[in-house]
């Protein structure tokens, strides 16, 4: 019985601590690219088109991301970004046409 009560007290204490924690403030990502139709991928997941992410920033949780911008007929662009809490990241990519 005492063990169960100790566990209950620990769980309630943990939950109260979680409820008072400040949520992370999102950061943003904007993309500038010479091929607006190019797909933008974050950590291998498509998040939109370059043209869309120039007009309207993508909201992101703070952290490290691998960015890929690609379009058929062009060489892909790769970079890595670190988005700070409440910060903004911007990527400028010039895609080059594939050689024939």
PDB file of N, CA and C in Angstrom:
ATOM      1  N   UNK A   1       0.823  -1.198   0.000  1.00  0.00           N
ATOM      2  CA  UNK A   1       0.000   0.000   0.000  1.00  0.00           C
ATOM      3  C   UNK A   1       0.868   1.263   0.000  1.00  0.00           C
ATOM      4  N   UNK A   2       1.921   1.248   0.802  1.00  0.00           N
ATOM      5  CA  UNK A   2       2.804   2.414   0.901  1.00  0.00           C
ATOM      6  C   UNK A   2       3.526   2.650  -0.426  1.00  0.00           C
ATOM      7  N   UNK A   3       3.885   1.557  -1.104  1.00  0.00           N
ATOM      8  CA  UNK A   3       4.551   1.682  -2.404  1.00  0.00           C
ATOM      9  C   UNK A   3       3.627   2.331  -3.435  1.00  0.00           C
ATOM     10  N   UNK A   4       2.370   1.924  -3.429  1.00  0.00           N
ATOM     11  CA  UNK A   4       1.393   2.481  -4.367  1.00  0.00           C
ATOM     12  C   UNK A   4       1.174   3.968  -4.089  1.00  0.00           C
ATOM     13  N   UNK A   5       1.135   4.344  -2.808  1.00  0.00           N
ATOM     14  CA  UNK A   5       0.955   5.743  -2.439  1.00  0.00           C
ATOM     15  C   UNK A   5       2.160   6.566  -2.872  1.00  0.00           C
ATOM     16  N   UNK A   6       3.369   6.040  -2.705  1.00  0.00           N
ATOM     17  CA  UNK A   6       4.588   6.743  -3.128  1.00  0.00           C
ATOM     18  C   UNK A   6       4.593   6.939  -4.633  1.00  0.00           C
ATOM     19  N   UNK A   7       4.173   5.925  -5.368  1.00  0.00           N
ATOM     20  CA  UNK A   7       4.108   6.023  -6.828  1.00  0.00           C
ATOM     21  C   UNK A   7       3.083   7.076  -7.240  1.00  0.00           C
ATOM     22  N   UNK A   8       1.940   7.094  -6.587  1.00  0.00           N
ATOM     23  CA  UNK A   8       0.898   8.077  -6.893  1.00  0.00           C
ATOM     24  C   UNK A   8       1.405   9.495  -6.638  1.00  0.00           C
ATOM     25  N   UNK A   9       2.082   9.701  -5.530  1.00  0.00           N
ATOM     26  CA  UNK A   9       2.632  11.024  -5.213  1.00  0.00           C
ATOM     27  C   UNK A   9       3.654  11.437  -6.266  1.00  0.00           C
ATOM     28  N   UNK A  10       4.495  10.514  -6.710  1.00  0.00           N
ATOM     29  CA  UNK A  10       5.502  10.819  -7.728  1.00  0.00           C
ATOM     30  C   UNK A  10       4.848  11.184  -9.054  1.00  0.00           C
ATOM     31  N   UNK A  11       3.824  10.450  -9.446  1.00  0.00           N
ATOM     32  CA  UNK A  11       3.140  10.715 -10.717  1.00  0.00           C
ATOM     33  C   UNK A  11       2.428  12.059 -10.662  1.00  0.00           C
ATOM     34  N   UNK A  12       1.745  12.356  -9.598  1.00  0.00           N
ATOM     35  CA  UNK A  12       1.038  13.630  -9.459  1.00  0.00           C
ATOM     36  C   UNK A  12       2.044  14.781  -9.473  1.00  0.00           C
ATOM     37  N   UNK A  13       3.155  14.634  -8.775  1.00  0.00           N
ATOM     38  CA  UNK A  13       4.199  15.663  -8.776  1.00  0.00           C
ATOM     39  C   UNK A  13       4.747  15.897 -10.166  1.00  0.00           C
ATOM     40  N   UNK A  14       4.967  14.821 -10.916  1.00  0.00           N
ATOM     41  CA  UNK A  14       5.466  14.931 -12.289  1.00  0.00           C
ATOM     42  C   UNK A  14       4.460  15.669 -13.161  1.00  0.00           C
ATOM     43  N   UNK A  15       3.186  15.309 -13.052  1.00  0.00           N
ATOM     44  CA  UNK A  15       2.146  15.939 -13.870  1.00  0.00           C
ATOM     45  C   UNK A  15       2.004  17.422 -13.548  1.00  0.00           C
ATOM     46  N   UNK A  16       2.084  17.795 -12.291  1.00  0.00           N
ATOM     47  CA  UNK A  16       2.006  19.205 -11.919  1.00  0.00           C
ATOM     48  C   UNK A  16       3.203  19.949 -12.493  1.00  0.00           C
ATOM     49  N   UNK A  17       4.380  19.357 -12.445  1.00  0.00           N
ATOM     50  CA  UNK A  17       5.575  19.971 -13.029  1.00  0.00           C
ATOM     51  C   UNK A  17       5.421  20.173 -14.520  1.00  0.00           C
ATOM     52  N   UNK A  18       4.847  19.197 -15.211  1.00  0.00           N
ATOM     53  CA  UNK A  18       4.635  19.320 -16.659  1.00  0.00           C
ATOM     54  C   UNK A  18       3.641  20.427 -16.982  1.00  0.00           C
ATOM     55  N   UNK A  19       2.620  20.566 -16.166  1.00  0.00           N
ATOM     56  CA  UNK A  19       1.594  21.575 -16.425  1.00  0.00           C
ATOM     57  C   UNK A  19       2.141  22.983 -16.267  1.00  0.00           C
ATOM     58  N   UNK A  20       3.180  23.158 -15.456  1.00  0.00           N
ATOM     59  CA  UNK A  20       3.718  24.499 -15.233  1.00  0.00           C
ATOM     60  C   UNK A  20       4.894  24.816 -16.149  1.00  0.00           C
ATOM     61  N   UNK A  21       5.335  23.857 -16.953  1.00  0.00           N
ATOM     62  CA  UNK A  21       6.448  24.098 -17.869  1.00  0.00           C
ATOM     63  C   UNK A  21       6.017  25.023 -18.994  1.00  0.00           C
ATOM     64  N   UNK A  22       6.911  25.923 -19.390  1.00  0.00           N
ATOM     65  CA  UNK A  22       6.632  26.846 -20.492  1.00  0.00           C
ATOM     66  C   UNK A  22       6.791  26.093 -21.814  1.00  0.00           C
ATOM     67  N   UNK A  23       5.802  26.173 -22.714  1.00  0.00           N
ATOM     68  CA  UNK A  23       5.951  25.503 -24.014  1.00  0.00           C
ATOM     69  C   UNK A  23       7.031  26.200 -24.845  1.00  0.00           C
ATOM     70  N   UNK A  24       7.688  25.439 -25.695  1.00  0.00           N
ATOM     71  CA  UNK A  24       8.703  26.010 -26.580  1.00  0.00           C
ATOM     72  C   UNK A  24       8.047  26.974 -27.554  1.00  0.00           C
ATOM     73  N   UNK A  25       8.717  28.087 -27.793  1.00  0.00           N
ATOM     74  CA  UNK A  25       8.226  29.042 -28.783  1.00  0.00           C
ATOM     75  C   UNK A  25       8.749  28.612 -30.141  1.00  0.00           C
ATOM     76  N   UNK A  26       7.852  28.502 -31.102  1.00  0.00           N
ATOM     77  CA  UNK A  26       8.218  28.034 -32.438  1.00  0.00           C
ATOM     78  C   UNK A  26       9.136  29.027 -33.139  1.00  0.00           C
ATOM     79  N   UNK A  27       9.953  28.499 -34.027  1.00  0.00           N
ATOM     80  CA  UNK A  27      10.767  29.320 -34.908  1.00  0.00           C
ATOM     81  C   UNK A  27      10.164  29.285 -36.304  1.00  0.00           C
ATOM     82  N   UNK A  28      10.803  29.960 -37.248  1.00  0.00           N
ATOM     83  CA  UNK A  28      10.267  29.984 -38.608  1.00  0.00           C
ATOM     84  C   UNK A  28      11.374  29.727 -39.627  1.00  0.00           C
ATOM     85  N   UNK A  29      10.952  29.259 -40.787  1.00  0.00           N
ATOM     86  CA  UNK A  29      11.854  29.015 -41.904  1.00  0.00           C
ATOM     87  C   UNK A  29      11.262  29.654 -43.154  1.00  0.00           C
ATOM     88  N   UNK A  30      12.088  30.425 -43.857  1.00  0.00           N
ATOM     89  CA  UNK A  30      11.700  30.944 -45.169  1.00  0.00           C
ATOM     90  C   UNK A  30      12.706  30.444 -46.195  1.00  0.00           C
ATOM     91  N   UNK A  31      12.224  30.287 -47.422  1.00  0.00           N
ATOM     92  CA  UNK A  31      13.047  29.781 -48.516  1.00  0.00           C
ATOM     93  C   UNK A  31      13.018  30.787 -49.658  1.00  0.00           C
ATOM     94  N   UNK A  32      14.195  31.069 -50.212  1.00  0.00           N
ATOM     95  CA  UNK A  32      14.280  31.868 -51.433  1.00  0.00           C
ATOM     96  C   UNK A  32      14.997  30.996 -52.457  1.00  0.00           C
ATOM     97  N   UNK A  33      14.342  30.768 -53.590  1.00  0.00           N
ATOM     98  CA  UNK A  33      14.891  29.865 -54.602  1.00  0.00           C
ATOM     99  C   UNK A  33      14.525  30.368 -55.998  1.00  0.00           C
ATOM    100  N   UNK A  34      15.437  30.169 -56.939  1.00  0.00           N
ATOM    101  CA  UNK A  34      15.192  30.596 -58.313  1.00  0.00           C
ATOM    102  C   UNK A  34      14.203  29.691 -59.057  1.00  0.00           C
ATOM    103  N   UNK A  35      13.826  28.579 -58.464  1.00  0.00           N
ATOM    104  CA  UNK A  35      12.832  27.665 -59.048  1.00  0.00           C
ATOM    105  C   UNK A  35      11.682  27.551 -58.043  1.00  0.00           C
ATOM    106  N   UNK A  36      10.661  28.419 -58.131  1.00  0.00           N
ATOM    107  CA  UNK A  36       9.598  28.446 -57.124  1.00  0.00           C
ATOM    108  C   UNK A  36       8.811  27.145 -56.998  1.00  0.00           C
ATOM    109  N   UNK A  37       8.794  26.329 -58.073  1.00  0.00           N
ATOM    110  CA  UNK A  37       8.055  25.056 -58.025  1.00  0.00           C
ATOM    111  C   UNK A  37       8.842  23.946 -57.327  1.00  0.00           C
ATOM    112  N   UNK A  38      10.094  24.195 -56.959  1.00  0.00           N
ATOM    113  CA  UNK A  38      10.937  23.163 -56.343  1.00  0.00           C
ATOM    114  C   UNK A  38      10.330  22.701 -55.022  1.00  0.00           C
ATOM    115  N   UNK A  39      10.446  21.402 -54.766  1.00  0.00           N
ATOM    116  CA  UNK A  39       9.952  20.824 -53.517  1.00  0.00           C
ATOM    117  C   UNK A  39      10.961  21.087 -52.406  1.00  0.00           C
ATOM    118  N   UNK A  40      10.433  21.425 -51.224  1.00  0.00           N
ATOM    119  CA  UNK A  40      11.270  21.641 -50.046  1.00  0.00           C
ATOM    120  C   UNK A  40      11.026  20.481 -49.087  1.00  0.00           C
ATOM    121  N   UNK A  41      12.119  19.834 -48.685  1.00  0.00           N
ATOM    122  CA  UNK A  41      12.044  18.715 -47.753  1.00  0.00           C
ATOM    123  C   UNK A  41      12.802  19.056 -46.481  1.00  0.00           C
ATOM    124  N   UNK A  42      12.209  18.736 -45.340  1.00  0.00           N
ATOM    125  CA  UNK A  42      12.881  18.845 -44.050  1.00  0.00           C
ATOM    126  C   UNK A  42      13.007  17.443 -43.492  1.00  0.00           C
ATOM    127  N   UNK A  43      14.226  17.035 -43.240  1.00  0.00           N
ATOM    128  CA  UNK A  43      14.469  15.672 -42.733  1.00  0.00           C
ATOM    129  C   UNK A  43      13.743  14.629 -43.576  1.00  0.00           C
ATOM    130  N   UNK A  44      13.845  14.766 -44.899  1.00  0.00           N
ATOM    131  CA  UNK A  44      13.295  13.842 -45.888  1.00  0.00           C
ATOM    132  C   UNK A  44      11.766  13.844 -46.004  1.00  0.00           C
ATOM    133  N   UNK A  45      11.090  14.808 -45.411  1.00  0.00           N
ATOM    134  CA  UNK A  45       9.634  14.916 -45.530  1.00  0.00           C
ATOM    135  C   UNK A  45       9.290  16.203 -46.285  1.00  0.00           C
ATOM    136  N   UNK A  46       8.461  16.097 -47.321  1.00  0.00           N
ATOM    137  CA  UNK A  46       8.072  17.267 -48.106  1.00  0.00           C
ATOM    138  C   UNK A  46       7.204  18.185 -47.239  1.00  0.00           C
ATOM    139  N   UNK A  47       7.592  19.478 -47.200  1.00  0.00           N
ATOM    140  CA  UNK A  47       6.835  20.457 -46.407  1.00  0.00           C
ATOM    141  C   UNK A  47       6.207  21.548 -47.265  1.00  0.00           C
ATOM    142  N   UNK A  48       6.483  21.537 -48.564  1.00  0.00           N
ATOM    143  CA  UNK A  48       5.879  22.534 -49.441  1.00  0.00           C
ATOM    144  C   UNK A  48       6.752  22.862 -50.627  1.00  0.00           C
ATOM    145  N   UNK A  49       6.377  23.900 -51.331  1.00  0.00           N
ATOM    146  CA  UNK A  49       7.117  24.395 -52.501  1.00  0.00           C
ATOM    147  C   UNK A  49       7.901  25.633 -52.097  1.00  0.00           C
ATOM    148  N   UNK A  50       9.028  25.844 -52.771  1.00  0.00           N
ATOM    149  CA  UNK A  50       9.894  26.979 -52.454  1.00  0.00           C
ATOM    150  C   UNK A  50       9.143  28.301 -52.558  1.00  0.00           C
ATOM    151  N   UNK A  51       8.342  28.459 -53.594  1.00  0.00           N
ATOM    152  CA  UNK A  51       7.588  29.696 -53.772  1.00  0.00           C
ATOM    153  C   UNK A  51       6.621  29.972 -52.631  1.00  0.00           C
ATOM    154  N   UNK A  52       5.989  28.915 -52.111  1.00  0.00           N
ATOM    155  CA  UNK A  52       5.059  29.061 -50.985  1.00  0.00           C
ATOM    156  C   UNK A  52       5.793  29.482 -49.722  1.00  0.00           C
ATOM    157  N   UNK A  53       6.986  28.905 -49.521  1.00  0.00           N
ATOM    158  CA  UNK A  53       7.731  29.175 -48.297  1.00  0.00           C
ATOM    159  C   UNK A  53       8.509  30.486 -48.358  1.00  0.00           C
ATOM    160  N   UNK A  54       8.465  31.144 -49.504  1.00  0.00           N
ATOM    161  CA  UNK A  54       9.015  32.498 -49.588  1.00  0.00           C
ATOM    162  C   UNK A  54       7.951  33.493 -49.122  1.00  0.00           C
ATOM    163  N   UNK A  55       6.703  33.249 -49.541  1.00  0.00           N
ATOM    164  CA  UNK A  55       5.594  34.143 -49.191  1.00  0.00           C
ATOM    165  C   UNK A  55       5.147  33.977 -47.743  1.00  0.00           C
ATOM    166  N   UNK A  56       5.136  32.734 -47.277  1.00  0.00           N
ATOM    167  CA  UNK A  56       4.630  32.422 -45.941  1.00  0.00           C
ATOM    168  C   UNK A  56       5.614  31.491 -45.236  1.00  0.00           C
ATOM    169  N   UNK A  57       6.204  31.950 -44.156  1.00  0.00           N
ATOM    170  CA  UNK A  57       7.211  31.173 -43.429  1.00  0.00           C
ATOM    171  C   UNK A  57       6.602  29.902 -42.833  1.00  0.00           C
ATOM    172  N   UNK A  58       7.410  28.872 -42.769  1.00  0.00           N
ATOM    173  CA  UNK A  58       7.021  27.593 -42.165  1.00  0.00           C
ATOM    174  C   UNK A  58       7.337  27.655 -40.673  1.00  0.00           C
ATOM    175  N   UNK A  59       6.381  27.375 -39.840  1.00  0.00           N
ATOM    176  CA  UNK A  59       6.581  27.345 -38.396  1.00  0.00           C
ATOM    177  C   UNK A  59       7.222  26.009 -38.009  1.00  0.00           C
ATOM    178  N   UNK A  60       8.287  26.074 -37.211  1.00  0.00           N
ATOM    179  CA  UNK A  60       9.021  24.863 -36.831  1.00  0.00           C
ATOM    180  C   UNK A  60       9.315  24.851 -35.340  1.00  0.00           C
ATOM    181  N   UNK A  61       9.382  23.659 -34.785  1.00  0.00           N
ATOM    182  CA  UNK A  61       9.863  23.515 -33.416  1.00  0.00           C
ATOM    183  C   UNK A  61      11.355  23.802 -33.409  1.00  0.00           C
ATOM    184  N   UNK A  62      11.867  24.352 -32.342  1.00  0.00           N
ATOM    185  CA  UNK A  62      13.309  24.591 -32.277  1.00  0.00           C
ATOM    186  C   UNK A  62      14.071  23.282 -32.467  1.00  0.00           C
ATOM    187  N   UNK A  63      15.200  23.361 -33.160  1.00  0.00           N
ATOM    188  CA  UNK A  63      16.012  22.174 -33.356  1.00  0.00           C
ATOM    189  C   UNK A  63      16.809  22.208 -34.641  1.00  0.00           C
ATOM    190  N   UNK A  64      17.467  21.096 -34.901  1.00  0.00           N
ATOM    191  CA  UNK A  64      18.346  20.923 -36.048  1.00  0.00           C
ATOM    192  C   UNK A  64      17.572  20.236 -37.165  1.00  0.00           C
ATOM    193  N   UNK A  65      17.726  20.733 -38.400  1.00  0.00           N
ATOM    194  CA  UNK A  65      17.023  20.170 -39.554  1.00  0.00           C
ATOM    195  C   UNK A  65      17.965  20.043 -40.747  1.00  0.00           C
ATOM    196  N   UNK A  66      17.726  19.028 -41.556  1.00  0.00           N
ATOM    197  CA  UNK A  66      18.408  18.862 -42.839  1.00  0.00           C
ATOM    198  C   UNK A  66      17.428  19.325 -43.905  1.00  0.00           C
ATOM    199  N   UNK A  67      17.842  20.289 -44.726  1.00  0.00           N
ATOM    200  CA  UNK A  67      16.967  20.872 -45.745  1.00  0.00           C
ATOM    201  C   UNK A  67      17.431  20.419 -47.121  1.00  0.00           C
ATOM    202  N   UNK A  68      16.474  19.974 -47.939  1.00  0.00           N
ATOM    203  CA  UNK A  68      16.757  19.629 -49.336  1.00  0.00           C
ATOM    204  C   UNK A  68      15.750  20.367 -50.198  1.00  0.00           C
ATOM    205  N   UNK A  69      16.235  20.959 -51.284  1.00  0.00           N
ATOM    206  CA  UNK A  69      15.367  21.616 -52.256  1.00  0.00           C
ATOM    207  C   UNK A  69      15.640  20.945 -53.592  1.00  0.00           C
ATOM    208  N   UNK A  70      14.576  20.389 -54.208  1.00  0.00           N
ATOM    209  CA  UNK A  70      14.797  19.630 -55.446  1.00  0.00           C
ATOM    210  C   UNK A  70      13.669  19.819 -56.443  1.00  0.00           C
ATOM    211  N   UNK A  71      14.061  19.633 -57.707  1.00  0.00           N
ATOM    212  CA  UNK A  71      13.116  19.734 -58.813  1.00  0.00           C
ATOM    213  C   UNK A  71      13.686  18.912 -59.965  1.00  0.00           C
ATOM    214  N   UNK A  72      12.844  18.169 -60.695  1.00  0.00           N
ATOM    215  CA  UNK A  72      13.352  17.415 -61.841  1.00  0.00           C
ATOM    216  C   UNK A  72      14.018  18.360 -62.844  1.00  0.00           C
ATOM    217  N   UNK A  73      15.148  17.957 -63.366  1.00  0.00           N
ATOM    218  CA  UNK A  73      15.862  18.776 -64.336  1.00  0.00           C
ATOM    219  C   UNK A  73      16.874  19.722 -63.716  1.00  0.00           C
ATOM    220  N   UNK A  74      16.952  19.724 -62.365  1.00  0.00           N
ATOM    221  CA  UNK A  74      17.905  20.574 -61.655  1.00  0.00           C
ATOM    222  C   UNK A  74      18.677  19.741 -60.642  1.00  0.00           C
ATOM    223  N   UNK A  75      19.912  20.163 -60.359  1.00  0.00           N
ATOM    224  CA  UNK A  75      20.661  19.556 -59.271  1.00  0.00           C
ATOM    225  C   UNK A  75      20.018  19.966 -57.953  1.00  0.00           C
ATOM    226  N   UNK A  76      19.938  19.048 -57.013  1.00  0.00           N
ATOM    227  CA  UNK A  76      19.347  19.343 -55.704  1.00  0.00           C
ATOM    228  C   UNK A  76      20.283  20.196 -54.866  1.00  0.00           C
ATOM    229  N   UNK A  77      19.692  20.931 -53.952  1.00  0.00           N
ATOM    230  CA  UNK A  77      20.433  21.773 -53.013  1.00  0.00           C
ATOM    231  C   UNK A  77      20.228  21.198 -51.622  1.00  0.00           C
ATOM    232  N   UNK A  78      21.306  21.088 -50.852  1.00  0.00           N
ATOM    233  CA  UNK A  78      21.246  20.562 -49.494  1.00  0.00           C
ATOM    234  C   UNK A  78      21.905  21.541 -48.538  1.00  0.00           C
ATOM    235  N   UNK A  79      21.331  21.655 -47.352  1.00  0.00           N
ATOM    236  CA  UNK A  79      21.963  22.423 -46.281  1.00  0.00           C
ATOM    237  C   UNK A  79      21.403  21.928 -44.947  1.00  0.00           C
ATOM    238  N   UNK A  80      21.998  22.392 -43.874  1.00  0.00           N
ATOM    239  CA  UNK A  80      21.519  22.078 -42.527  1.00  0.00           C
ATOM    240  C   UNK A  80      21.277  23.386 -41.802  1.00  0.00           C
ATOM    241  N   UNK A  81      20.217  23.415 -40.998  1.00  0.00           N
ATOM    242  CA  UNK A  81      19.899  24.615 -40.242  1.00  0.00           C
ATOM    243  C   UNK A  81      19.648  24.255 -38.793  1.00  0.00           C
ATOM    244  N   UNK A  82      19.826  25.217 -37.931  1.00  0.00           N
ATOM    245  CA  UNK A  82      19.488  25.061 -36.521  1.00  0.00           C
ATOM    246  C   UNK A  82      18.532  26.198 -36.179  1.00  0.00           C
ATOM    247  N   UNK A  83      17.308  25.860 -35.848  1.00  0.00           N
ATOM    248  CA  UNK A  83      16.285  26.859 -35.550  1.00  0.00           C
ATOM    249  C   UNK A  83      16.247  27.063 -34.040  1.00  0.00           C
ATOM    250  N   UNK A  84      16.520  28.282 -33.610  1.00  0.00           N
ATOM    251  CA  UNK A  84      16.475  28.611 -32.192  1.00  0.00           C
ATOM    252  C   UNK A  84      15.033  28.851 -31.755  1.00  0.00           C
ATOM    253  N   UNK A  85      14.790  28.732 -30.470  1.00  0.00           N
ATOM    254  CA  UNK A  85      13.458  28.997 -29.937  1.00  0.00           C
ATOM    255  C   UNK A  85      13.074  30.443 -30.243  1.00  0.00           C
ATOM    256  N   UNK A  86      11.981  30.628 -30.954  1.00  0.00           N
ATOM    257  CA  UNK A  86      11.517  31.953 -31.337  1.00  0.00           C
ATOM    258  C   UNK A  86      12.338  32.599 -32.450  1.00  0.00           C
ATOM    259  N   UNK A  87      13.299  31.849 -33.002  1.00  0.00           N
ATOM    260  CA  UNK A  87      14.185  32.392 -34.030  1.00  0.00           C
ATOM    261  C   UNK A  87      13.675  32.178 -35.439  1.00  0.00           C
ATOM    262  N   UNK A  88      14.438  32.728 -36.369  1.00  0.00           N
ATOM    263  CA  UNK A  88      14.081  32.606 -37.782  1.00  0.00           C
ATOM    264  C   UNK A  88      15.290  32.103 -38.557  1.00  0.00           C
ATOM    265  N   UNK A  89      15.044  31.185 -39.470  1.00  0.00           N
ATOM    266  CA  UNK A  89      16.086  30.675 -40.364  1.00  0.00           C
ATOM    267  C   UNK A  89      15.654  30.979 -41.791  1.00  0.00           C
ATOM    268  N   UNK A  90      16.629  31.317 -42.617  1.00  0.00           N
ATOM    269  CA  UNK A  90      16.347  31.597 -44.027  1.00  0.00           C
ATOM    270  C   UNK A  90      17.347  30.828 -44.876  1.00  0.00           C
ATOM    271  N   UNK A  91      16.853  30.213 -45.944  1.00  0.00           N
ATOM    272  CA  UNK A  91      17.706  29.477 -46.870  1.00  0.00           C
ATOM    273  C   UNK A  91      17.561  30.109 -48.246  1.00  0.00           C
ATOM    274  N   UNK A  92      18.691  30.419 -48.867  1.00  0.00           N
ATOM    275  CA  UNK A  92      18.699  30.946 -50.238  1.00  0.00           C
ATOM    276  C   UNK A  92      19.378  29.891 -51.101  1.00  0.00           C
ATOM    277  N   UNK A  93      18.669  29.397 -52.101  1.00  0.00           N
ATOM    278  CA  UNK A  93      19.182  28.326 -52.937  1.00  0.00           C
ATOM    279  C   UNK A  93      19.039  28.683 -54.407  1.00  0.00           C
ATOM    280  N   UNK A  94      20.115  28.560 -55.150  1.00  0.00           N
ATOM    281  CA  UNK A  94      20.087  28.697 -56.602  1.00  0.00           C
ATOM    282  C   UNK A  94      20.280  27.314 -57.203  1.00  0.00           C
ATOM    283  N   UNK A  95      19.206  26.771 -57.780  1.00  0.00           N
ATOM    284  CA  UNK A  95      19.310  25.456 -58.409  1.00  0.00           C
ATOM    285  C   UNK A  95      19.886  25.626 -59.811  1.00  0.00           C
ATOM    286  N   UNK A  96      20.750  24.693 -60.186  1.00  0.00           N
ATOM    287  CA  UNK A  96      21.410  24.716 -61.501  1.00  0.00           C
ATOM    288  C   UNK A  96      20.839  23.614 -62.371  1.00  0.00           C
ATOM    289  N   UNK A  97      20.549  23.900 -63.644  1.00  0.00           N
ATOM    290  CA  UNK A  97      19.996  22.880 -64.543  1.00  0.00           C
ATOM    291  C   UNK A  97      20.959  21.705 -64.702  1.00  0.00           C
ATOM    292  N   UNK A  98      20.377  20.509 -64.844  1.00  0.00           N
ATOM    293  CA  UNK A  98      21.183  19.335 -65.110  1.00  0.00           C
ATOM    294  C   UNK A  98      21.824  19.473 -66.490  1.00  0.00           C
ATOM    295  N   UNK A  99      23.018  18.955 -66.630  1.00  0.00           N
ATOM    296  CA  UNK A  99      23.698  18.967 -67.917  1.00  0.00           C
ATOM    297  C   UNK A  99      23.118  17.873 -68.796  1.00  0.00           C
ATOM    298  N   UNK A 100      23.038  18.137 -70.095  1.00  0.00           N
ATOM    299  CA  UNK A 100      22.517  17.126 -71.037  1.00  0.00           C
ATOM    300  C   UNK A 100      23.569  16.095 -71.331  1.00  0.00           C
TER     301      UNK A 100
END
